[in-house]
C-alpha atoms as a PDB file:
ATOM      1  CA  UNK A   1      36.429  -8.544 -23.567  1.00  0.00           C
ATOM      2  CA  UNK A   2      34.560 -10.729 -21.076  1.00  0.00           C
ATOM      3  CA  UNK A   3      37.000 -13.570 -21.641  1.00  0.00           C
ATOM      4  CA  UNK A   4      39.895 -11.331 -20.531  1.00  0.00           C
ATOM      5  CA  UNK A   5      37.926 -10.224 -17.487  1.00  0.00           C
ATOM      6  CA  UNK A   6      37.172 -13.797 -16.433  1.00  0.00           C
ATOM      7  CA  UNK A   7      40.782 -14.825 -17.044  1.00  0.00           C
ATOM      8  CA  UNK A   8      42.023 -12.006 -14.798  1.00  0.00           C
ATOM      9  CA  UNK A   9      39.385 -12.853 -12.198  1.00  0.00           C
ATOM     10  CA  UNK A  10      40.325 -16.540 -12.222  1.00  0.00           C
ATOM     11  CA  UNK A  11      44.012 -15.672 -11.875  1.00  0.00           C
ATOM     12  CA  UNK A  12      43.300 -13.237  -9.021  1.00  0.00           C
ATOM     13  CA  UNK A  13      41.260 -15.850  -7.149  1.00  0.00           C
ATOM     14  CA  UNK A  14      43.988 -18.414  -7.835  1.00  0.00           C
ATOM     15  CA  UNK A  15      46.578 -16.048  -6.378  1.00  0.00           C
ATOM     16  CA  UNK A  16      44.504 -15.700  -3.210  1.00  0.00           C
ATOM     17  CA  UNK A  17      44.425 -19.494  -2.893  1.00  0.00           C
ATOM     18  CA  UNK A  18      48.193 -19.624  -3.468  1.00  0.00           C
ATOM     19  CA  UNK A  19      48.529 -17.068  -0.662  1.00  0.00           C
ATOM     20  CA  UNK A  20      46.679 -19.457   1.667  1.00  0.00           C
ATOM     21  CA  UNK A  21      48.537 -22.613   0.621  1.00  0.00           C
ATOM     22  CA  UNK A  22      52.141 -21.605  -0.078  1.00  0.00           C
ATOM     23  CA  UNK A  23      54.285 -20.131   2.704  1.00  0.00           C
ATOM     24  CA  UNK A  24      56.236 -17.110   1.495  1.00  0.00           C
ATOM     25  CA  UNK A  25      53.483 -15.737  -0.734  1.00  0.00           C
ATOM     26  CA  UNK A  26      51.755 -12.699   0.739  1.00  0.00           C
ATOM     27  CA  UNK A  27      48.899 -10.820  -0.913  1.00  0.00           C
ATOM     28  CA  UNK A  28      47.437  -7.877   0.968  1.00  0.00           C
ATOM     29  CA  UNK A  29      43.915  -7.843  -0.515  1.00  0.00           C
ATOM     30  CA  UNK A  30      41.787  -8.732  -3.527  1.00  0.00           C
ATOM     31  CA  UNK A  31      42.693  -5.530  -5.379  1.00  0.00           C
ATOM     32  CA  UNK A  32      46.401  -6.407  -5.106  1.00  0.00           C
ATOM     33  CA  UNK A  33      45.604  -9.898  -6.388  1.00  0.00           C
ATOM     34  CA  UNK A  34      43.680  -8.455  -9.343  1.00  0.00           C
ATOM     35  CA  UNK A  35      46.495  -6.059 -10.249  1.00  0.00           C
ATOM     36  CA  UNK A  36      49.016  -8.904  -9.836  1.00  0.00           C
ATOM     37  CA  UNK A  37      46.926 -11.074 -12.165  1.00  0.00           C
ATOM     38  CA  UNK A  38      47.047  -8.402 -14.855  1.00  0.00           C
ATOM     39  CA  UNK A  39      50.793  -7.852 -14.394  1.00  0.00           C
ATOM     40  CA  UNK A  40      51.420 -11.619 -14.524  1.00  0.00           C
ATOM     41  CA  UNK A  41      49.491 -11.732 -17.797  1.00  0.00           C
ATOM     42  CA  UNK A  42      51.610  -8.935 -19.239  1.00  0.00           C
ATOM     43  CA  UNK A  43      54.862 -10.545 -18.067  1.00  0.00           C
ATOM     44  CA  UNK A  44      53.824 -13.954 -19.410  1.00  0.00           C
ATOM     45  CA  UNK A  45      53.020 -12.479 -22.807  1.00  0.00           C
ATOM     46  CA  UNK A  46      55.965 -10.078 -23.064  1.00  0.00           C
ATOM     47  CA  UNK A  47      58.981 -11.057 -20.979  1.00  0.00           C
ATOM     48  CA  UNK A  48      58.520 -14.794 -20.459  1.00  0.00           C
ATOM     49  CA  UNK A  49      59.046 -15.752 -24.135  1.00  0.00           C
ATOM     50  CA  UNK A  50      62.391 -13.915 -24.096  1.00  0.00           C
ATOM     51  CA  UNK A  51      63.525 -15.634 -20.892  1.00  0.00           C
ATOM     52  CA  UNK A  52      62.324 -18.990 -22.209  1.00  0.00           C
ATOM     53  CA  UNK A  53      64.263 -18.623 -25.450  1.00  0.00           C
ATOM     54  CA  UNK A  54      67.401 -17.528 -23.587  1.00  0.00           C
ATOM     55  CA  UNK A  55      67.189 -20.530 -21.263  1.00  0.00           C
ATOM     56  CA  UNK A  56      66.349 -23.052 -23.988  1.00  0.00           C
ATOM     57  CA  UNK A  57      69.734 -24.862 -23.931  1.00  0.00           C
ATOM     58  CA  UNK A  58      69.534 -25.165 -20.135  1.00  0.00           C
ATOM     59  CA  UNK A  59      65.962 -26.372 -20.455  1.00  0.00           C
ATOM     60  CA  UNK A  60      67.104 -29.188 -22.751  1.00  0.00           C
ATOM     61  CA  UNK A  61      69.927 -30.157 -20.395  1.00  0.00           C
ATOM     62  CA  UNK A  62      67.615 -30.274 -17.365  1.00  0.00           C
ATOM     63  CA  UNK A  63      64.809 -32.032 -19.266  1.00  0.00           C
ATOM     64  CA  UNK A  64      62.453 -29.118 -18.700  1.00  0.00           C
ATOM     65  CA  UNK A  65      63.147 -28.578 -15.000  1.00  0.00           C
ATOM     66  CA  UNK A  66      64.555 -25.100 -15.625  1.00  0.00           C
ATOM     67  CA  UNK A  67      61.090 -24.001 -16.758  1.00  0.00           C
ATOM     68  CA  UNK A  68      60.166 -24.043 -13.060  1.00  0.00           C
ATOM     69  CA  UNK A  69      62.816 -21.391 -12.509  1.00  0.00           C
ATOM     70  CA  UNK A  70      61.535 -19.354 -15.467  1.00  0.00           C
ATOM     71  CA  UNK A  71      57.993 -19.439 -14.035  1.00  0.00           C
ATOM     72  CA  UNK A  72      59.377 -18.464 -10.634  1.00  0.00           C
ATOM     73  CA  UNK A  73      61.245 -15.527 -12.152  1.00  0.00           C
ATOM     74  CA  UNK A  74      58.081 -14.301 -13.875  1.00  0.00           C
ATOM     75  CA  UNK A  75      56.048 -14.511 -10.683  1.00  0.00           C
ATOM     76  CA  UNK A  76      58.836 -12.834  -8.710  1.00  0.00           C
ATOM     77  CA  UNK A  77      59.019  -9.995 -11.272  1.00  0.00           C
ATOM     78  CA  UNK A  78      55.298  -9.434 -10.839  1.00  0.00           C
ATOM     79  CA  UNK A  79      55.779  -9.281  -7.066  1.00  0.00           C
ATOM     80  CA  UNK A  80      58.389  -6.544  -7.545  1.00  0.00           C
ATOM     81  CA  UNK A  81      55.957  -4.446  -9.585  1.00  0.00           C
ATOM     82  CA  UNK A  82      52.766  -4.854  -7.552  1.00  0.00           C
ATOM     83  CA  UNK A  83      52.452  -3.291  -4.102  1.00  0.00           C
ATOM     84  CA  UNK A  84      50.757  -5.678  -1.691  1.00  0.00           C
ATOM     85  CA  UNK A  85      52.116  -8.786  -3.435  1.00  0.00           C
ATOM     86  CA  UNK A  86      55.297 -10.393  -2.142  1.00  0.00           C
ATOM     87  CA  UNK A  87      57.232 -13.602  -2.844  1.00  0.00           C
ATOM     88  CA  UNK A  88      59.880 -14.545  -0.259  1.00  0.00           C
ATOM     89  CA  UNK A  89      61.957 -17.693  -0.046  1.00  0.00           C
ATOM     90  CA  UNK A  90      63.043 -20.400  -2.434  1.00  0.00           C
ATOM     91  CA  UNK A  91      60.058 -22.620  -1.604  1.00  0.00           C
ATOM     92  CA  UNK A  92      57.617 -19.920  -2.667  1.00  0.00           C
ATOM     93  CA  UNK A  93      59.763 -19.160  -5.729  1.00  0.00           C
ATOM     94  CA  UNK A  94      59.478 -22.779  -6.959  1.00  0.00           C
ATOM     95  CA  UNK A  95      56.160 -24.037  -5.512  1.00  0.00           C
ATOM     96  CA  UNK A  96      53.941 -20.963  -5.995  1.00  0.00           C
ATOM     97  CA  UNK A  97      53.983 -21.041  -9.832  1.00  0.00           C
ATOM     98  CA  UNK A  98      53.101 -24.748  -9.784  1.00  0.00           C
ATOM     99  CA  UNK A  99      50.165 -24.248  -7.409  1.00  0.00           C
ATOM    100  CA  UNK A 100      49.083 -21.125  -9.300  1.00  0.00           C
ATOM    101  CA  UNK A 101      49.051 -23.034 -12.571  1.00  0.00           C
ATOM    102  CA  UNK A 102      47.016 -25.921 -11.148  1.00  0.00           C
ATOM    103  CA  UNK A 103      44.462 -23.735  -9.375  1.00  0.00           C
ATOM    104  CA  UNK A 104      44.202 -21.331 -12.305  1.00  0.00           C
ATOM    105  CA  UNK A 105      43.509 -24.216 -14.684  1.00  0.00           C
ATOM    106  CA  UNK A 106      40.701 -25.462 -12.459  1.00  0.00           C
ATOM    107  CA  UNK A 107      39.247 -21.957 -12.031  1.00  0.00           C
ATOM    108  CA  UNK A 108      39.398 -21.216 -15.760  1.00  0.00           C
ATOM    109  CA  UNK A 109      37.700 -24.513 -16.538  1.00  0.00           C
ATOM    110  CA  UNK A 110      34.985 -23.707 -13.991  1.00  0.00           C
ATOM    111  CA  UNK A 111      34.360 -20.246 -15.479  1.00  0.00           C
ATOM    112  CA  UNK A 112      34.381 -21.669 -19.010  1.00  0.00           C
ATOM    113  CA  UNK A 113      31.752 -24.261 -18.083  1.00  0.00           C
ATOM    114  CA  UNK A 114      29.599 -21.660 -16.336  1.00  0.00           C
ATOM    115  CA  UNK A 115      29.901 -19.359 -19.350  1.00  0.00           C
ATOM    116  CA  UNK A 116      28.623 -22.090 -21.647  1.00  0.00           C
ATOM    117  CA  UNK A 117      25.703 -22.791 -19.318  1.00  0.00           C
ATOM    118  CA  UNK A 118      24.709 -19.126 -19.252  1.00  0.00           C
ATOM    119  CA  UNK A 119      24.818 -18.891 -23.071  1.00  0.00           C
ATOM    120  CA  UNK A 120      22.490 -21.897 -23.406  1.00  0.00           C
ATOM    121  CA  UNK A 121      19.768 -20.291 -21.257  1.00  0.00           C
END
């Protein structure tokens, strides 16, 4: 249970950083970022595998570059479902998932290390 909470928290904080860094990404407040993080998790576990399988031949032809579009579609779908979260423009559509992935990886690693430290005390 706590792992899911920290994953959602790390994704929400990552989304707020993406909002600061990437033009075209607008998040109204932390609550919107937290809801968006949960919706992104649901989309990534439910809809993304279907889109990925459907685009597999294109992914082979583009040597994996079409996966950027798939990630952009998933993030854009989340922005349609969450009030206070908006993706506008092609730059945000392509760059935001990349930045989100990088920042989220760093945040998750940070929380994982802190969790291990707290268990050892």
